[in-house]
Protein backbone atom coordinates (compact mmCIF):
# COMPACT_ATOMS: atom_id res chain seq x y z
CA UNK A 1 -8.64 -4.58 -17.67
CA UNK A 2 -7.66 -5.42 -14.06
CA UNK A 3 -8.75 -2.94 -11.40
CA UNK A 4 -6.13 -1.46 -9.11
CA UNK A 5 -6.43 -2.51 -5.47
CA UNK A 6 -4.94 -0.50 -2.65
CA UNK A 7 -4.36 -1.81 0.86
CA UNK A 8 -4.60 1.49 2.67
CA UNK A 9 -4.69 -0.06 6.14
CA UNK A 10 -1.15 -1.25 5.55
CA UNK A 11 0.29 1.44 3.34
CA UNK A 12 -0.99 4.85 2.45
CA UNK A 13 0.25 7.48 0.09
CA UNK A 14 -1.22 10.80 -0.84
CA UNK A 15 -0.46 13.50 -3.35
CA UNK A 16 0.27 16.81 -1.61
CA UNK A 17 -2.66 19.21 -1.23
CA UNK A 18 -1.45 22.80 -1.45
CA UNK A 19 1.09 23.23 1.36
CA UNK A 20 0.31 19.91 3.09
CA UNK A 21 3.37 17.77 3.74
CA UNK A 22 3.20 14.18 2.43
CA UNK A 23 2.86 12.57 5.87
CA UNK A 24 0.01 14.88 6.92
CA UNK A 25 -1.68 14.12 3.59
CA UNK A 26 -1.30 10.37 4.07
CA UNK A 27 -2.78 10.53 7.56
CA UNK A 28 -5.63 12.79 6.43
CA UNK A 29 -6.47 10.50 3.51
CA UNK A 30 -6.32 7.42 5.74
CA UNK A 31 -8.84 9.05 8.08
CA UNK A 32 -11.12 10.21 5.25
CA UNK A 33 -11.05 6.94 3.33
CA UNK A 34 -11.02 4.21 5.99
CA UNK A 35 -11.80 6.01 9.25
CA UNK A 36 -8.51 5.62 11.13
CA UNK A 37 -7.84 8.81 13.10
CA UNK A 38 -4.30 10.21 12.68
CA UNK A 39 -3.75 10.22 16.46
CA UNK A 40 -4.13 6.42 16.48
CA UNK A 41 -1.33 5.82 13.96
CA UNK A 42 2.29 5.40 14.93
CA UNK A 43 4.39 6.04 11.82
CA UNK A 44 7.34 3.68 11.70
CA UNK A 45 8.83 4.77 8.41
CA UNK A 46 8.49 5.72 4.80
CA UNK A 47 8.99 3.68 1.67
CA UNK A 48 10.65 4.96 -1.49
CA UNK A 49 8.73 7.59 -3.46
CA UNK A 50 7.16 6.04 -6.55
CA UNK A 51 6.18 7.79 -9.77
CA UNK A 52 3.06 6.15 -11.23
CA UNK A 53 3.25 6.51 -14.99
CA UNK A 54 -0.46 6.02 -15.80
CA UNK A 55 -1.64 8.75 -13.39
CA UNK A 56 1.49 10.92 -13.43
CA UNK A 57 1.42 11.07 -9.61
CA UNK A 58 4.37 10.85 -7.30
CA UNK A 59 3.30 8.54 -4.47
CA UNK A 60 4.91 9.00 -1.05
CA UNK A 61 4.07 5.82 0.92
CA UNK A 62 4.31 5.62 4.71
CA UNK A 63 4.05 2.61 7.01
CA UNK A 64 2.16 2.98 10.25
CA UNK A 65 0.79 0.71 12.92
CA UNK A 66 -2.02 1.01 15.43
CA UNK A 67 -2.11 -0.69 18.81
CA UNK A 68 -5.54 -2.27 18.26
CA UNK A 69 -7.62 -3.62 15.40
CA UNK A 70 -9.10 -0.50 13.79
CA UNK A 71 -12.82 0.01 13.43
CA UNK A 72 -12.63 0.48 9.67
CA UNK A 73 -15.23 2.80 8.13
CA UNK A 74 -14.69 2.75 4.38
CA UNK A 75 -15.82 5.87 2.51
CA UNK A 76 -17.98 4.33 -0.27
CA UNK A 77 -17.18 7.09 -2.79
CA UNK A 78 -13.46 6.33 -2.43
CA UNK A 79 -13.19 2.69 -1.32
CA UNK A 80 -14.94 -0.14 -3.15
CA UNK A 81 -13.65 -2.84 -0.79
CA UNK A 82 -11.27 -3.20 2.12
CA UNK A 83 -8.99 -6.24 2.20
CA UNK A 84 -7.34 -7.46 5.39
CA UNK A 85 -4.37 -9.80 5.34
CA UNK A 86 -1.53 -10.63 7.69
CA UNK A 87 1.90 -9.16 7.00
CA UNK A 88 3.00 -12.71 6.20
CA UNK A 89 0.87 -12.55 3.03
CA UNK A 90 3.31 -10.15 1.34
CA UNK A 91 6.28 -12.20 2.58
CA UNK A 92 4.95 -15.47 1.14
CA UNK A 93 6.65 -16.03 -2.23
CA UNK A 94 3.99 -18.58 -3.21
CA UNK A 95 1.44 -15.73 -3.36
CA UNK A 96 3.38 -13.90 -6.07
CA UNK A 97 2.32 -14.52 -9.66
CA UNK A 98 2.92 -13.05 -13.08
CA UNK A 99 0.49 -11.85 -15.72
CA UNK A 100 0.71 -9.85 -18.91
CA UNK A 101 -1.27 -7.26 -20.77
CA UNK A 102 -0.87 -5.02 -23.77
CA UNK A 103 -0.44 -1.32 -23.09
CA UNK A 104 0.00 1.13 -25.97
CA UNK A 105 0.77 -1.80 -28.27
CA UNK A 106 3.50 -3.21 -26.03
CA UNK A 107 3.20 -6.51 -24.19
CA UNK A 108 4.01 -5.93 -20.52
CA UNK A 109 4.67 -8.70 -18.03
CA UNK A 110 4.01 -7.72 -14.43
CA UNK A 111 4.04 -9.34 -10.99
CA UNK A 112 1.11 -9.40 -8.60
CA UNK A 113 0.33 -10.62 -5.09
CA UNK A 114 -2.70 -12.83 -4.46
CA UNK A 115 -4.18 -11.47 -1.24
CA UNK A 116 -7.57 -12.47 0.12
CA UNK A 117 -8.44 -13.92 -3.28
CA UNK A 118 -7.62 -10.69 -5.16
CA UNK A 119 -4.76 -9.80 -7.47
CA UNK A 120 -2.89 -6.80 -6.12
CA UNK A 121 -0.71 -5.37 -8.87
CA UNK A 122 0.77 -2.17 -10.25
CA UNK A 123 2.03 0.55 -7.93
CA UNK A 124 0.44 -1.10 -4.90
CA UNK A 125 2.31 -4.35 -5.60
CA UNK A 126 5.54 -2.41 -6.02
CA UNK A 127 5.07 -0.74 -2.63
CA UNK A 128 4.11 -4.03 -0.99
CA UNK A 129 7.21 -5.66 -2.49
CA UNK A 130 9.44 -3.01 -0.92
CA UNK A 131 7.51 -3.34 2.34
CA UNK A 132 8.11 -7.12 2.23
CA UNK A 133 11.85 -6.58 1.79
CA UNK A 134 11.96 -4.17 4.74
CA UNK A 135 9.95 -6.53 6.97
CA UNK A 136 12.06 -9.56 6.04
CA UNK A 137 15.20 -7.66 7.03
CA UNK A 138 16.93 -7.77 3.65
CA UNK A 139 17.24 -3.98 3.47
CA UNK A 140 19.14 -3.55 6.73
CA UNK A 141 16.28 -1.49 8.14
CA UNK A 142 15.23 -2.16 11.73
CA UNK A 143 11.64 -3.40 11.88
CA UNK A 144 9.42 -3.23 15.00
CA UNK A 145 8.76 -6.68 16.45
CA UNK A 146 5.03 -6.17 15.86
CA UNK A 147 5.67 -6.53 12.11
CA UNK A 148 8.37 -9.19 12.07
C-alpha cells in the first residue's frame, strides 16, 4: 500500500486541539514537526477544508510563506522525510499521473503528483491541486508575486 506523503513546508493542516483555532494549530504543528517558528510564517490564505475519509479528520489547510529558506528540523517521531520542491512542481501537468488500488472491494482510480521522485497522493494531492489552481490564477484569487 502506498504511504501518504505530506509537504508540510508548503501546506499545513491540523485538527483542532481543545479550544485551539485551526490556524494556531497549523502553526503549532508546523513548529513541532519541521521546526519553523510561527513568528517566521506569513499566512497568505487558507485552502478549502477537506474531510479525509480514511482518518475521519477534517483538515483545514493554510498557505504560508517565509522570507528566507527555513532551517528545517524534522521531528523524527512525526516526519519520516522532508521533500523540497519548487512551486512549479505542482503546476507542471507532466508531473501528474494516475494509479489505482482496491479499497473495500472497490477499484479506485486516483491522481498523484510526482515530486522529488515520490508519489504524492490522497488528501495531500487534493490540497496541492487546489493550491496549484490558486497559484496559476484560475480561481480568481490574488497570489503574492513570490509564489507566481
